[in-house]
PDB file of N, CA and C in Angstrom:
ATOM      1  N   MET A   1     -21.197 -60.226  58.786  1.00  0.00           N
ATOM      2  CA  MET A   1     -19.957 -59.475  58.713  1.00  0.00           C
ATOM      3  C   MET A   1     -19.896 -58.570  59.935  1.00  0.00           C
ATOM      4  N   VAL A   2     -18.696 -58.405  60.460  1.00  0.00           N
ATOM      5  CA  VAL A   2     -18.499 -57.524  61.608  1.00  0.00           C
ATOM      6  C   VAL A   2     -17.436 -56.499  61.254  1.00  0.00           C
ATOM      7  N   LYS A   3     -17.773 -55.239  61.485  1.00  0.00           N
ATOM      8  CA  LYS A   3     -16.855 -54.134  61.212  1.00  0.00           C
ATOM      9  C   LYS A   3     -16.099 -53.784  62.478  1.00  0.00           C
ATOM     10  N   ARG A   4     -14.778 -53.795  62.379  1.00  0.00           N
ATOM     11  CA  ARG A   4     -13.906 -53.445  63.498  1.00  0.00           C
ATOM     12  C   ARG A   4     -14.185 -52.002  63.940  1.00  0.00           C
ATOM     13  N   ALA A   5     -13.962 -51.715  65.219  1.00  0.00           N
ATOM     14  CA  ALA A   5     -14.131 -50.366  65.744  1.00  0.00           C
ATOM     15  C   ALA A   5     -13.252 -49.394  64.969  1.00  0.00           C
ATOM     16  N   LEU A   6     -13.813 -48.295  64.548  1.00  0.00           N
ATOM     17  CA  LEU A   6     -13.125 -47.353  63.676  1.00  0.00           C
ATOM     18  C   LEU A   6     -11.765 -46.882  64.197  1.00  0.00           C
ATOM     19  N   PRO A   7     -11.620 -46.545  65.477  1.00  0.00           N
ATOM     20  CA  PRO A   7     -10.305 -46.076  65.921  1.00  0.00           C
ATOM     21  C   PRO A   7      -9.225 -47.148  65.879  1.00  0.00           C
ATOM     22  N   TYR A   8      -9.623 -48.400  65.787  1.00  0.00           N
ATOM     23  CA  TYR A   8      -8.654 -49.488  65.863  1.00  0.00           C
ATOM     24  C   TYR A   8      -8.441 -50.215  64.548  1.00  0.00           C
ATOM     25  N   GLN A   9      -9.041 -49.724  63.476  1.00  0.00           N
ATOM     26  CA  GLN A   9      -8.862 -50.418  62.207  1.00  0.00           C
ATOM     27  C   GLN A   9      -7.483 -50.120  61.631  1.00  0.00           C
ATOM     28  N   LYS A  10      -6.960 -51.079  60.917  1.00  0.00           N
ATOM     29  CA  LYS A  10      -5.636 -50.991  60.301  1.00  0.00           C
ATOM     30  C   LYS A  10      -5.790 -50.798  58.800  1.00  0.00           C
ATOM     31  N   CYS A  11      -4.728 -50.420  58.133  1.00  0.00           N
ATOM     32  CA  CYS A  11      -4.770 -50.217  56.684  1.00  0.00           C
ATOM     33  C   CYS A  11      -5.246 -51.469  55.958  1.00  0.00           C
ATOM     34  N   TYR A  12      -4.755 -52.616  56.377  1.00  0.00           N
ATOM     35  CA  TYR A  12      -5.139 -53.850  55.698  1.00  0.00           C
ATOM     36  C   TYR A  12      -6.615 -54.187  55.927  1.00  0.00           C
ATOM     37  N   ASP A  13      -7.213 -53.698  57.032  1.00  0.00           N
ATOM     38  CA  ASP A  13      -8.638 -53.926  57.254  1.00  0.00           C
ATOM     39  C   ASP A  13      -9.465 -53.326  56.125  1.00  0.00           C
ATOM     40  N   SER A  14      -9.113 -52.114  55.734  1.00  0.00           N
ATOM     41  CA  SER A  14      -9.856 -51.433  54.669  1.00  0.00           C
ATOM     42  C   SER A  14      -9.761 -52.187  53.365  1.00  0.00           C
ATOM     43  N   ALA A  15      -8.570 -52.673  53.038  1.00  0.00           N
ATOM     44  CA  ALA A  15      -8.382 -53.418  51.792  1.00  0.00           C
ATOM     45  C   ALA A  15      -9.158 -54.726  51.816  1.00  0.00           C
ATOM     46  N   GLU A  16      -9.099 -55.442  52.921  1.00  0.00           N
ATOM     47  CA  GLU A  16      -9.824 -56.711  53.029  1.00  0.00           C
ATOM     48  C   GLU A  16     -11.329 -56.485  52.973  1.00  0.00           C
ATOM     49  N   TRP A  17     -11.801 -55.474  53.674  1.00  0.00           N
ATOM     50  CA  TRP A  17     -13.224 -55.153  53.701  1.00  0.00           C
ATOM     51  C   TRP A  17     -13.712 -54.808  52.304  1.00  0.00           C
ATOM     52  N   SER A  18     -12.978 -53.935  51.636  1.00  0.00           N
ATOM     53  CA  SER A  18     -13.339 -53.512  50.286  1.00  0.00           C
ATOM     54  C   SER A  18     -13.372 -54.696  49.320  1.00  0.00           C
ATOM     55  N   THR A  19     -12.360 -55.545  49.378  1.00  0.00           N
ATOM     56  CA  THR A  19     -12.293 -56.714  48.503  1.00  0.00           C
ATOM     57  C   THR A  19     -13.437 -57.673  48.765  1.00  0.00           C
ATOM     58  N   ALA A  20     -13.754 -57.886  50.028  1.00  0.00           N
ATOM     59  CA  ALA A  20     -14.851 -58.802  50.373  1.00  0.00           C
ATOM     60  C   ALA A  20     -16.175 -58.299  49.819  1.00  0.00           C
ATOM     61  N   PHE A  21     -16.457 -57.014  49.988  1.00  0.00           N
ATOM     62  CA  PHE A  21     -17.730 -56.491  49.497  1.00  0.00           C
ATOM     63  C   PHE A  21     -17.762 -56.366  47.983  1.00  0.00           C
ATOM     64  N   GLU A  22     -16.623 -56.116  47.375  1.00  0.00           N
ATOM     65  CA  GLU A  22     -16.576 -56.097  45.916  1.00  0.00           C
ATOM     66  C   GLU A  22     -16.921 -57.488  45.379  1.00  0.00           C
ATOM     67  N   TYR A  23     -16.331 -58.516  45.980  1.00  0.00           N
ATOM     68  CA  TYR A  23     -16.616 -59.884  45.557  1.00  0.00           C
ATOM     69  C   TYR A  23     -18.097 -60.215  45.746  1.00  0.00           C
ATOM     70  N   MET A  24     -18.637 -59.900  46.928  1.00  0.00           N
ATOM     71  CA  MET A  24     -20.038 -60.235  47.197  1.00  0.00           C
ATOM     72  C   MET A  24     -20.988 -59.514  46.250  1.00  0.00           C
ATOM     73  N   SER A  25     -20.711 -58.235  45.968  1.00  0.00           N
ATOM     74  CA  SER A  25     -21.621 -57.479  45.106  1.00  0.00           C
ATOM     75  C   SER A  25     -21.560 -57.936  43.652  1.00  0.00           C
ATOM     76  N   GLU A  26     -20.405 -58.439  43.219  1.00  0.00           N
ATOM     77  CA  GLU A  26     -20.250 -58.843  41.823  1.00  0.00           C
ATOM     78  C   GLU A  26     -20.534 -60.315  41.559  1.00  0.00           C
ATOM     79  N   ASN A  27     -20.431 -61.160  42.597  1.00  0.00           N
ATOM     80  CA  ASN A  27     -20.513 -62.602  42.364  1.00  0.00           C
ATOM     81  C   ASN A  27     -21.624 -63.322  43.112  1.00  0.00           C
ATOM     82  N   LEU A  28     -22.245 -62.675  44.053  1.00  0.00           N
ATOM     83  CA  LEU A  28     -23.294 -63.317  44.837  1.00  0.00           C
ATOM     84  C   LEU A  28     -24.596 -62.548  44.710  1.00  0.00           C
ATOM     85  N   GLU A  29     -25.683 -63.243  44.794  1.00  0.00           N
ATOM     86  CA  GLU A  29     -26.992 -62.597  44.819  1.00  0.00           C
ATOM     87  C   GLU A  29     -27.552 -62.760  46.228  1.00  0.00           C
ATOM     88  N   LEU A  30     -27.076 -61.926  47.118  1.00  0.00           N
ATOM     89  CA  LEU A  30     -27.481 -62.027  48.515  1.00  0.00           C
ATOM     90  C   LEU A  30     -28.931 -61.614  48.706  1.00  0.00           C
ATOM     91  N   LYS A  31     -29.621 -62.366  49.518  1.00  0.00           N
ATOM     92  CA  LYS A  31     -31.000 -62.031  49.895  1.00  0.00           C
ATOM     93  C   LYS A  31     -31.027 -61.310  51.240  1.00  0.00           C
ATOM     94  N   SER A  32     -30.042 -61.639  52.093  1.00  0.00           N
ATOM     95  CA  SER A  32     -29.978 -61.000  53.406  1.00  0.00           C
ATOM     96  C   SER A  32     -28.521 -60.809  53.819  1.00  0.00           C
ATOM     97  N   LEU A  33     -28.344 -59.864  54.713  1.00  0.00           N
ATOM     98  CA  LEU A  33     -27.020 -59.564  55.231  1.00  0.00           C
ATOM     99  C   LEU A  33     -27.171 -59.149  56.683  1.00  0.00           C
ATOM    100  N   SER A  34     -26.302 -59.680  57.510  1.00  0.00           N
ATOM    101  CA  SER A  34     -26.247 -59.293  58.915  1.00  0.00           C
ATOM    102  C   SER A  34     -24.937 -58.548  59.119  1.00  0.00           C
ATOM    103  N   LEU A  35     -25.047 -57.309  59.557  1.00  0.00           N
ATOM    104  CA  LEU A  35     -23.891 -56.448  59.712  1.00  0.00           C
ATOM    105  C   LEU A  35     -23.769 -56.030  61.171  1.00  0.00           C
ATOM    106  N   GLY A  36     -22.715 -56.475  61.820  1.00  0.00           N
ATOM    107  CA  GLY A  36     -22.416 -56.063  63.186  1.00  0.00           C
ATOM    108  C   GLY A  36     -21.328 -55.008  63.140  1.00  0.00           C
ATOM    109  N   ILE A  37     -21.521 -53.930  63.879  1.00  0.00           N
ATOM    110  CA  ILE A  37     -20.549 -52.847  63.877  1.00  0.00           C
ATOM    111  C   ILE A  37     -20.122 -52.579  65.314  1.00  0.00           C
ATOM    112  N   ILE A  38     -18.825 -52.691  65.542  1.00  0.00           N
ATOM    113  CA  ILE A  38     -18.320 -52.472  66.887  1.00  0.00           C
ATOM    114  C   ILE A  38     -18.298 -50.972  67.160  1.00  0.00           C
ATOM    115  N   GLY A  39     -18.972 -50.599  68.227  1.00  0.00           N
ATOM    116  CA  GLY A  39     -19.038 -49.204  68.631  1.00  0.00           C
ATOM    117  C   GLY A  39     -18.501 -49.041  70.035  1.00  0.00           C
ATOM    118  N   GLY A  40     -18.268 -47.806  70.419  1.00  0.00           N
ATOM    119  CA  GLY A  40     -17.728 -47.532  71.740  1.00  0.00           C
ATOM    120  C   GLY A  40     -18.648 -46.662  72.572  1.00  0.00           C
ATOM    121  N   LYS A  41     -18.701 -46.970  73.847  1.00  0.00           N
ATOM    122  CA  LYS A  41     -19.512 -46.200  74.785  1.00  0.00           C
ATOM    123  C   LYS A  41     -18.653 -45.882  76.010  1.00  0.00           C
ATOM    124  N   PRO A  42     -18.381 -44.602  76.238  1.00  0.00           N
ATOM    125  CA  PRO A  42     -17.535 -44.229  77.367  1.00  0.00           C
ATOM    126  C   PRO A  42     -18.324 -44.141  78.672  1.00  0.00           C
ATOM    127  N   GLY A  43     -18.223 -45.167  79.479  1.00  0.00           N
ATOM    128  CA  GLY A  43     -18.895 -45.156  80.787  1.00  0.00           C
ATOM    129  C   GLY A  43     -20.353 -45.544  80.697  1.00  0.00           C
ATOM    130  N   PRO A  44     -21.006 -45.730  81.827  1.00  0.00           N
ATOM    131  CA  PRO A  44     -22.392 -46.194  81.846  1.00  0.00           C
ATOM    132  C   PRO A  44     -23.394 -45.194  81.258  1.00  0.00           C
ATOM    133  N   ASN A  45     -23.088 -43.920  81.309  1.00  0.00           N
ATOM    134  CA  ASN A  45     -23.988 -42.894  80.760  1.00  0.00           C
ATOM    135  C   ASN A  45     -23.347 -42.168  79.584  1.00  0.00           C
ATOM    136  N   GLY A  46     -22.464 -42.841  78.901  1.00  0.00           N
ATOM    137  CA  GLY A  46     -21.635 -42.227  77.876  1.00  0.00           C
ATOM    138  C   GLY A  46     -22.340 -41.602  76.700  1.00  0.00           C
ATOM    139  N   TRP A  47     -23.554 -41.988  76.401  1.00  0.00           N
ATOM    140  CA  TRP A  47     -24.261 -41.433  75.241  1.00  0.00           C
ATOM    141  C   TRP A  47     -25.374 -40.474  75.623  1.00  0.00           C
ATOM    142  N   ASP A  48     -25.556 -40.231  76.898  1.00  0.00           N
ATOM    143  CA  ASP A  48     -26.686 -39.417  77.342  1.00  0.00           C
ATOM    144  C   ASP A  48     -26.731 -38.033  76.704  1.00  0.00           C
ATOM    145  N   THR A  49     -25.607 -37.403  76.514  1.00  0.00           N
ATOM    146  CA  THR A  49     -25.585 -36.044  75.965  1.00  0.00           C
ATOM    147  C   THR A  49     -24.996 -35.983  74.562  1.00  0.00           C
ATOM    148  N   VAL A  50     -24.809 -37.134  73.939  1.00  0.00           N
ATOM    149  CA  VAL A  50     -24.192 -37.189  72.607  1.00  0.00           C
ATOM    150  C   VAL A  50     -25.280 -37.062  71.538  1.00  0.00           C
ATOM    151  N   PRO A  51     -25.155 -36.068  70.640  1.00  0.00           N
ATOM    152  CA  PRO A  51     -26.142 -35.956  69.548  1.00  0.00           C
ATOM    153  C   PRO A  51     -25.941 -37.076  68.533  1.00  0.00           C
ATOM    154  N   ARG A  52     -27.034 -37.608  68.044  1.00  0.00           N
ATOM    155  CA  ARG A  52     -26.959 -38.680  67.043  1.00  0.00           C
ATOM    156  C   ARG A  52     -26.801 -38.085  65.652  1.00  0.00           C
ATOM    157  N   PHE A  53     -26.114 -38.830  64.782  1.00  0.00           N
ATOM    158  CA  PHE A  53     -26.075 -38.456  63.372  1.00  0.00           C
ATOM    159  C   PHE A  53     -27.438 -38.753  62.758  1.00  0.00           C
ATOM    160  N   THR A  54     -27.785 -38.036  61.697  1.00  0.00           N
ATOM    161  CA  THR A  54     -29.035 -38.268  60.981  1.00  0.00           C
ATOM    162  C   THR A  54     -28.757 -39.120  59.746  1.00  0.00           C
ATOM    163  N   THR A  55     -29.820 -39.618  59.139  1.00  0.00           N
ATOM    164  CA  THR A  55     -29.642 -40.402  57.910  1.00  0.00           C
ATOM    165  C   THR A  55     -28.975 -39.555  56.822  1.00  0.00           C
ATOM    166  N   THR A  56     -29.281 -38.275  56.772  1.00  0.00           N
ATOM    167  CA  THR A  56     -28.661 -37.379  55.790  1.00  0.00           C
ATOM    168  C   THR A  56     -27.162 -37.263  56.025  1.00  0.00           C
ATOM    169  N   ASP A  57     -26.748 -37.239  57.288  1.00  0.00           N
ATOM    170  CA  ASP A  57     -25.322 -37.167  57.600  1.00  0.00           C
ATOM    171  C   ASP A  57     -24.559 -38.327  56.970  1.00  0.00           C
ATOM    172  N   PHE A  58     -25.153 -39.505  56.988  1.00  0.00           N
ATOM    173  CA  PHE A  58     -24.449 -40.683  56.483  1.00  0.00           C
ATOM    174  C   PHE A  58     -24.262 -40.653  54.971  1.00  0.00           C
ATOM    175  N   ALA A  59     -25.134 -39.983  54.252  1.00  0.00           N
ATOM    176  CA  ALA A  59     -24.959 -39.847  52.808  1.00  0.00           C
ATOM    177  C   ALA A  59     -23.655 -39.124  52.496  1.00  0.00           C
ATOM    178  N   TYR A  60     -23.276 -38.174  53.343  1.00  0.00           N
ATOM    179  CA  TYR A  60     -22.031 -37.430  53.157  1.00  0.00           C
ATOM    180  C   TYR A  60     -20.838 -38.122  53.813  1.00  0.00           C
ATOM    181  N   MET A  61     -21.062 -38.746  54.949  1.00  0.00           N
ATOM    182  CA  MET A  61     -19.972 -39.356  55.703  1.00  0.00           C
ATOM    183  C   MET A  61     -19.285 -40.484  54.951  1.00  0.00           C
ATOM    184  N   GLN A  62     -19.997 -41.167  54.080  1.00  0.00           N
ATOM    185  CA  GLN A  62     -19.396 -42.307  53.377  1.00  0.00           C
ATOM    186  C   GLN A  62     -18.239 -41.885  52.477  1.00  0.00           C
ATOM    187  N   HIS A  63     -18.098 -40.588  52.257  1.00  0.00           N
ATOM    188  CA  HIS A  63     -17.022 -40.077  51.405  1.00  0.00           C
ATOM    189  C   HIS A  63     -15.895 -39.446  52.223  1.00  0.00           C
ATOM    190  N   THR A  64     -15.953 -39.578  53.550  1.00  0.00           N
ATOM    191  CA  THR A  64     -14.922 -38.983  54.390  1.00  0.00           C
ATOM    192  C   THR A  64     -13.908 -40.034  54.827  1.00  0.00           C
ATOM    193  N   GLU A  65     -12.740 -39.566  55.199  1.00  0.00           N
ATOM    194  CA  GLU A  65     -11.658 -40.458  55.593  1.00  0.00           C
ATOM    195  C   GLU A  65     -12.072 -41.352  56.752  1.00  0.00           C
ATOM    196  N   GLY A  66     -11.826 -42.633  56.578  1.00  0.00           N
ATOM    197  CA  GLY A  66     -12.153 -43.612  57.605  1.00  0.00           C
ATOM    198  C   GLY A  66     -13.554 -44.182  57.490  1.00  0.00           C
ATOM    199  N   MET A  67     -14.417 -43.553  56.697  1.00  0.00           N
ATOM    200  CA  MET A  67     -15.793 -44.019  56.563  1.00  0.00           C
ATOM    201  C   MET A  67     -16.087 -44.571  55.163  1.00  0.00           C
ATOM    202  N   GLU A  68     -15.048 -44.755  54.369  1.00  0.00           N
ATOM    203  CA  GLU A  68     -15.231 -45.263  53.009  1.00  0.00           C
ATOM    204  C   GLU A  68     -15.854 -46.651  52.994  1.00  0.00           C
ATOM    205  N   TRP A  69     -15.715 -47.382  54.075  1.00  0.00           N
ATOM    206  CA  TRP A  69     -16.263 -48.736  54.167  1.00  0.00           C
ATOM    207  C   TRP A  69     -17.773 -48.745  53.985  1.00  0.00           C
ATOM    208  N   ILE A  70     -18.436 -47.623  54.295  1.00  0.00           N
ATOM    209  CA  ILE A  70     -19.890 -47.544  54.112  1.00  0.00           C
ATOM    210  C   ILE A  70     -20.220 -47.737  52.633  1.00  0.00           C
ATOM    211  N   GLY A  71     -19.475 -47.082  51.759  1.00  0.00           N
ATOM    212  CA  GLY A  71     -19.687 -47.236  50.320  1.00  0.00           C
ATOM    213  C   GLY A  71     -19.477 -48.659  49.854  1.00  0.00           C
ATOM    214  N   ASP A  72     -18.511 -49.341  50.482  1.00  0.00           N
ATOM    215  CA  ASP A  72     -18.278 -50.749  50.133  1.00  0.00           C
ATOM    216  C   ASP A  72     -19.515 -51.587  50.444  1.00  0.00           C
ATOM    217  N   VAL A  73     -20.101 -51.367  51.599  1.00  0.00           N
ATOM    218  CA  VAL A  73     -21.307 -52.121  51.976  1.00  0.00           C
ATOM    219  C   VAL A  73     -22.456 -51.762  51.043  1.00  0.00           C
ATOM    220  N   LEU A  74     -22.563 -50.478  50.702  1.00  0.00           N
ATOM    221  CA  LEU A  74     -23.654 -50.031  49.836  1.00  0.00           C
ATOM    222  C   LEU A  74     -23.567 -50.570  48.413  1.00  0.00           C
ATOM    223  N   SER A  75     -22.453 -51.184  48.056  1.00  0.00           N
ATOM    224  CA  SER A  75     -22.344 -51.777  46.718  1.00  0.00           C
ATOM    225  C   SER A  75     -23.277 -52.975  46.567  1.00  0.00           C
ATOM    226  N   ILE A  76     -23.747 -53.499  47.663  1.00  0.00           N
ATOM    227  CA  ILE A  76     -24.702 -54.610  47.628  1.00  0.00           C
ATOM    228  C   ILE A  76     -26.108 -54.025  47.593  1.00  0.00           C
ATOM    229  N   LYS A  77     -26.852 -54.371  46.586  1.00  0.00           N
ATOM    230  CA  LYS A  77     -28.206 -53.835  46.392  1.00  0.00           C
ATOM    231  C   LYS A  77     -29.213 -54.972  46.302  1.00  0.00           C
ATOM    232  N   GLY A  78     -30.473 -54.644  46.485  1.00  0.00           N
ATOM    233  CA  GLY A  78     -31.542 -55.599  46.263  1.00  0.00           C
ATOM    234  C   GLY A  78     -31.752 -56.627  47.355  1.00  0.00           C
ATOM    235  N   LEU A  79     -31.328 -56.325  48.552  1.00  0.00           N
ATOM    236  CA  LEU A  79     -31.541 -57.261  49.659  1.00  0.00           C
ATOM    237  C   LEU A  79     -33.016 -57.311  50.037  1.00  0.00           C
ATOM    238  N   GLU A  80     -33.433 -58.431  50.540  1.00  0.00           N
ATOM    239  CA  GLU A  80     -34.767 -58.551  51.123  1.00  0.00           C
ATOM    240  C   GLU A  80     -34.722 -58.220  52.610  1.00  0.00           C
ATOM    241  N   ARG A  81     -33.559 -58.460  53.210  1.00  0.00           N
ATOM    242  CA  ARG A  81     -33.430 -58.243  54.655  1.00  0.00           C
ATOM    243  C   ARG A  81     -32.014 -57.774  54.980  1.00  0.00           C
ATOM    244  N   LEU A  82     -31.933 -56.791  55.854  1.00  0.00           N
ATOM    245  CA  LEU A  82     -30.655 -56.289  56.336  1.00  0.00           C
ATOM    246  C   LEU A  82     -30.764 -56.073  57.839  1.00  0.00           C
ATOM    247  N   ASP A  83     -29.892 -56.723  58.572  1.00  0.00           N
ATOM    248  CA  ASP A  83     -29.820 -56.529  60.019  1.00  0.00           C
ATOM    249  C   ASP A  83     -28.558 -55.742  60.316  1.00  0.00           C
ATOM    250  N   VAL A  84     -28.715 -54.597  60.966  1.00  0.00           N
ATOM    251  CA  VAL A  84     -27.583 -53.777  61.385  1.00  0.00           C
ATOM    252  C   VAL A  84     -27.650 -53.683  62.900  1.00  0.00           C
ATOM    253  N   ASP A  85     -26.623 -54.180  63.546  1.00  0.00           N
ATOM    254  CA  ASP A  85     -26.605 -54.199  65.006  1.00  0.00           C
ATOM    255  C   ASP A  85     -25.283 -53.671  65.526  1.00  0.00           C
ATOM    256  N   SER A  86     -25.365 -52.904  66.604  1.00  0.00           N
ATOM    257  CA  SER A  86     -24.136 -52.437  67.230  1.00  0.00           C
ATOM    258  C   SER A  86     -23.632 -53.491  68.211  1.00  0.00           C
ATOM    259  N   VAL A  87     -22.342 -53.613  68.252  1.00  0.00           N
ATOM    260  CA  VAL A  87     -21.658 -54.460  69.218  1.00  0.00           C
ATOM    261  C   VAL A  87     -20.912 -53.470  70.113  1.00  0.00           C
ATOM    262  N   VAL A  88     -21.509 -53.151  71.246  1.00  0.00           N
ATOM    263  CA  VAL A  88     -21.011 -52.059  72.068  1.00  0.00           C
ATOM    264  C   VAL A  88     -19.927 -52.537  73.025  1.00  0.00           C
ATOM    265  N   GLU A  89     -18.818 -51.811  72.987  1.00  0.00           N
ATOM    266  CA  GLU A  89     -17.704 -52.053  73.893  1.00  0.00           C
ATOM    267  C   GLU A  89     -17.404 -50.760  74.642  1.00  0.00           C
ATOM    268  N   HIS A  90     -16.768 -50.887  75.772  1.00  0.00           N
ATOM    269  CA  HIS A  90     -16.349 -49.701  76.517  1.00  0.00           C
ATOM    270  C   HIS A  90     -15.208 -49.022  75.771  1.00  0.00           C
ATOM    271  N   CYS A  91     -15.201 -47.702  75.780  1.00  0.00           N
ATOM    272  CA  CYS A  91     -14.091 -46.948  75.210  1.00  0.00           C
ATOM    273  C   CYS A  91     -13.771 -45.787  76.144  1.00  0.00           C
ATOM    274  N   PRO A  92     -12.592 -45.219  76.024  1.00  0.00           N
ATOM    275  CA  PRO A  92     -12.251 -44.084  76.877  1.00  0.00           C
ATOM    276  C   PRO A  92     -13.062 -42.851  76.485  1.00  0.00           C
ATOM    277  N   PRO A  93     -13.192 -41.890  77.396  1.00  0.00           N
ATOM    278  CA  PRO A  93     -13.866 -40.639  77.030  1.00  0.00           C
ATOM    279  C   PRO A  93     -13.134 -39.984  75.860  1.00  0.00           C
ATOM    280  N   PRO A  94     -13.867 -39.360  74.951  1.00  0.00           N
ATOM    281  CA  PRO A  94     -13.222 -38.750  73.781  1.00  0.00           C
ATOM    282  C   PRO A  94     -12.287 -37.604  74.177  1.00  0.00           C
ATOM    283  N   MET A  95     -11.061 -37.679  73.690  1.00  0.00           N
ATOM    284  CA  MET A  95     -10.072 -36.624  73.921  1.00  0.00           C
ATOM    285  C   MET A  95      -9.601 -36.017  72.594  1.00  0.00           C
ATOM    286  N   SER A  96     -10.230 -36.452  71.497  1.00  0.00           N
ATOM    287  CA  SER A  96      -9.886 -35.921  70.178  1.00  0.00           C
ATOM    288  C   SER A  96     -11.161 -35.856  69.342  1.00  0.00           C
ATOM    289  N   ASN A  97     -11.095 -35.111  68.258  1.00  0.00           N
ATOM    290  CA  ASN A  97     -12.244 -35.028  67.353  1.00  0.00           C
ATOM    291  C   ASN A  97     -12.580 -36.387  66.756  1.00  0.00           C
ATOM    292  N   ALA A  98     -11.544 -37.159  66.426  1.00  0.00           N
ATOM    293  CA  ALA A  98     -11.769 -38.482  65.835  1.00  0.00           C
ATOM    294  C   ALA A  98     -12.508 -39.393  66.807  1.00  0.00           C
ATOM    295  N   MET A  99     -12.108 -39.374  68.076  1.00  0.00           N
ATOM    296  CA  MET A  99     -12.763 -40.235  69.058  1.00  0.00           C
ATOM    297  C   MET A  99     -14.184 -39.733  69.340  1.00  0.00           C
ATOM    298  N   ALA A 100     -14.384 -38.425  69.351  1.00  0.00           N
ATOM    299  CA  ALA A 100     -15.728 -37.870  69.554  1.00  0.00           C
ATOM    300  C   ALA A 100     -16.652 -38.285  68.409  1.00  0.00           C
ATOM    301  N   THR A 101     -16.128 -38.284  67.186  1.00  0.00           N
ATOM    302  CA  THR A 101     -16.922 -38.722  66.029  1.00  0.00           C
ATOM    303  C   THR A 101     -17.252 -40.206  66.151  1.00  0.00           C
ATOM    304  N   PHE A 102     -16.288 -40.999  66.600  1.00  0.00           N
ATOM    305  CA  PHE A 102     -16.517 -42.427  66.786  1.00  0.00           C
ATOM    306  C   PHE A 102     -17.622 -42.667  67.816  1.00  0.00           C
ATOM    307  N   VAL A 103     -17.593 -41.964  68.923  1.00  0.00           N
ATOM    308  CA  VAL A 103     -18.621 -42.128  69.960  1.00  0.00           C
ATOM    309  C   VAL A 103     -19.984 -41.690  69.412  1.00  0.00           C
ATOM    310  N   ARG A 104     -20.002 -40.593  68.669  1.00  0.00           N
ATOM    311  CA  ARG A 104     -21.268 -40.120  68.079  1.00  0.00           C
ATOM    312  C   ARG A 104     -21.796 -41.126  67.058  1.00  0.00           C
ATOM    313  N   PHE A 105     -20.904 -41.664  66.235  1.00  0.00           N
ATOM    314  CA  PHE A 105     -21.308 -42.693  65.281  1.00  0.00           C
ATOM    315  C   PHE A 105     -21.843 -43.914  66.030  1.00  0.00           C
ATOM    316  N   SER A 106     -21.148 -44.308  67.081  1.00  0.00           N
ATOM    317  CA  SER A 106     -21.523 -45.499  67.846  1.00  0.00           C
ATOM    318  C   SER A 106     -22.944 -45.423  68.370  1.00  0.00           C
ATOM    319  N   CYS A 107     -23.329 -44.265  68.878  1.00  0.00           N
ATOM    320  CA  CYS A 107     -24.684 -44.152  69.433  1.00  0.00           C
ATOM    321  C   CYS A 107     -25.741 -44.030  68.339  1.00  0.00           C
ATOM    322  N   SER A 108     -25.312 -43.906  67.085  1.00  0.00           N
ATOM    323  CA  SER A 108     -26.238 -43.783  65.951  1.00  0.00           C
ATOM    324  C   SER A 108     -26.427 -45.087  65.189  1.00  0.00           C
ATOM    325  N   ILE A 109     -25.634 -46.106  65.501  1.00  0.00           N
ATOM    326  CA  ILE A 109     -25.635 -47.341  64.711  1.00  0.00           C
ATOM    327  C   ILE A 109     -27.018 -47.979  64.642  1.00  0.00           C
ATOM    328  N   ASP A 110     -27.632 -48.218  65.790  1.00  0.00           N
ATOM    329  CA  ASP A 110     -28.918 -48.930  65.809  1.00  0.00           C
ATOM    330  C   ASP A 110     -30.087 -48.086  65.313  1.00  0.00           C
ATOM    331  N   GLY A 111     -29.905 -46.790  65.228  1.00  0.00           N
ATOM    332  CA  GLY A 111     -30.987 -45.902  64.809  1.00  0.00           C
ATOM    333  C   GLY A 111     -30.819 -45.413  63.379  1.00  0.00           C
ATOM    334  N   SER A 112     -30.299 -44.199  63.242  1.00  0.00           N
ATOM    335  CA  SER A 112     -30.238 -43.554  61.930  1.00  0.00           C
ATOM    336  C   SER A 112     -29.295 -44.254  60.952  1.00  0.00           C
ATOM    337  N   PHE A 113     -28.217 -44.853  61.447  1.00  0.00           N
ATOM    338  CA  PHE A 113     -27.326 -45.562  60.520  1.00  0.00           C
ATOM    339  C   PHE A 113     -28.019 -46.787  59.933  1.00  0.00           C
ATOM    340  N   ALA A 114     -28.662 -47.565  60.779  1.00  0.00           N
ATOM    341  CA  ALA A 114     -29.383 -48.752  60.293  1.00  0.00           C
ATOM    342  C   ALA A 114     -30.476 -48.340  59.310  1.00  0.00           C
ATOM    343  N   GLU A 115     -31.178 -47.264  59.621  1.00  0.00           N
ATOM    344  CA  GLU A 115     -32.235 -46.770  58.740  1.00  0.00           C
ATOM    345  C   GLU A 115     -31.669 -46.348  57.382  1.00  0.00           C
ATOM    346  N   PHE A 116     -30.566 -45.617  57.398  1.00  0.00           N
ATOM    347  CA  PHE A 116     -29.919 -45.175  56.152  1.00  0.00           C
ATOM    348  C   PHE A 116     -29.517 -46.377  55.301  1.00  0.00           C
ATOM    349  N   MET A 117     -28.881 -47.356  55.915  1.00  0.00           N
ATOM    350  CA  MET A 117     -28.415 -48.518  55.164  1.00  0.00           C
ATOM    351  C   MET A 117     -29.590 -49.298  54.565  1.00  0.00           C
ATOM    352  N   LYS A 118     -30.655 -49.462  55.318  1.00  0.00           N
ATOM    353  CA  LYS A 118     -31.824 -50.182  54.805  1.00  0.00           C
ATOM    354  C   LYS A 118     -32.469 -49.434  53.645  1.00  0.00           C
ATOM    355  N   GLU A 119     -32.546 -48.111  53.737  1.00  0.00           N
ATOM    356  CA  GLU A 119     -33.099 -47.308  52.644  1.00  0.00           C
ATOM    357  C   GLU A 119     -32.323 -47.517  51.346  1.00  0.00           C
ATOM    358  N   GLN A 120     -31.007 -47.689  51.461  1.00  0.00           N
ATOM    359  CA  GLN A 120     -30.145 -47.810  50.299  1.00  0.00           C
ATOM    360  C   GLN A 120     -30.060 -49.229  49.747  1.00  0.00           C
ATOM    361  N   MET A 121     -30.230 -50.231  50.602  1.00  0.00           N
ATOM    362  CA  MET A 121     -29.878 -51.596  50.191  1.00  0.00           C
ATOM    363  C   MET A 121     -31.058 -52.547  50.011  1.00  0.00           C
ATOM    364  N   ILE A 122     -32.180 -52.253  50.617  1.00  0.00           N
ATOM    365  CA  ILE A 122     -33.334 -53.172  50.506  1.00  0.00           C
ATOM    366  C   ILE A 122     -34.194 -52.749  49.328  1.00  0.00           C
ATOM    367  N   ARG A 123     -34.626 -53.761  48.562  1.00  0.00           N
ATOM    368  CA  ARG A 123     -35.440 -53.430  47.385  1.00  0.00           C
ATOM    369  C   ARG A 123     -36.802 -52.956  47.769  1.00  0.00           C
TER     370      ARG A 123
END
């Protein structure tokens, strides 16, 4: 599964994502899941001074606007294997709080976000 970049997701993306994970959690007994998340990096040194989110941050973030999709993924439990990988694309320098959060999230995908998801989903 690949998650669209947060600033570019549409209303229907959330509904489709939620429905897909609801179906998988209720009807399939998945052993593994590969999750690609599109992130943004502004320029060649775009993350050098960006603080990463911690695993604790993600426990709270899943309940914030635009991040509800995390809870959808977490509905799947008991995996033997979970691969979380960032799919990094160029993005403009952050000019808003939302874009700054997206860039901060992006640089956290392969580290603390992947760790948080594995803690929650792997048996």
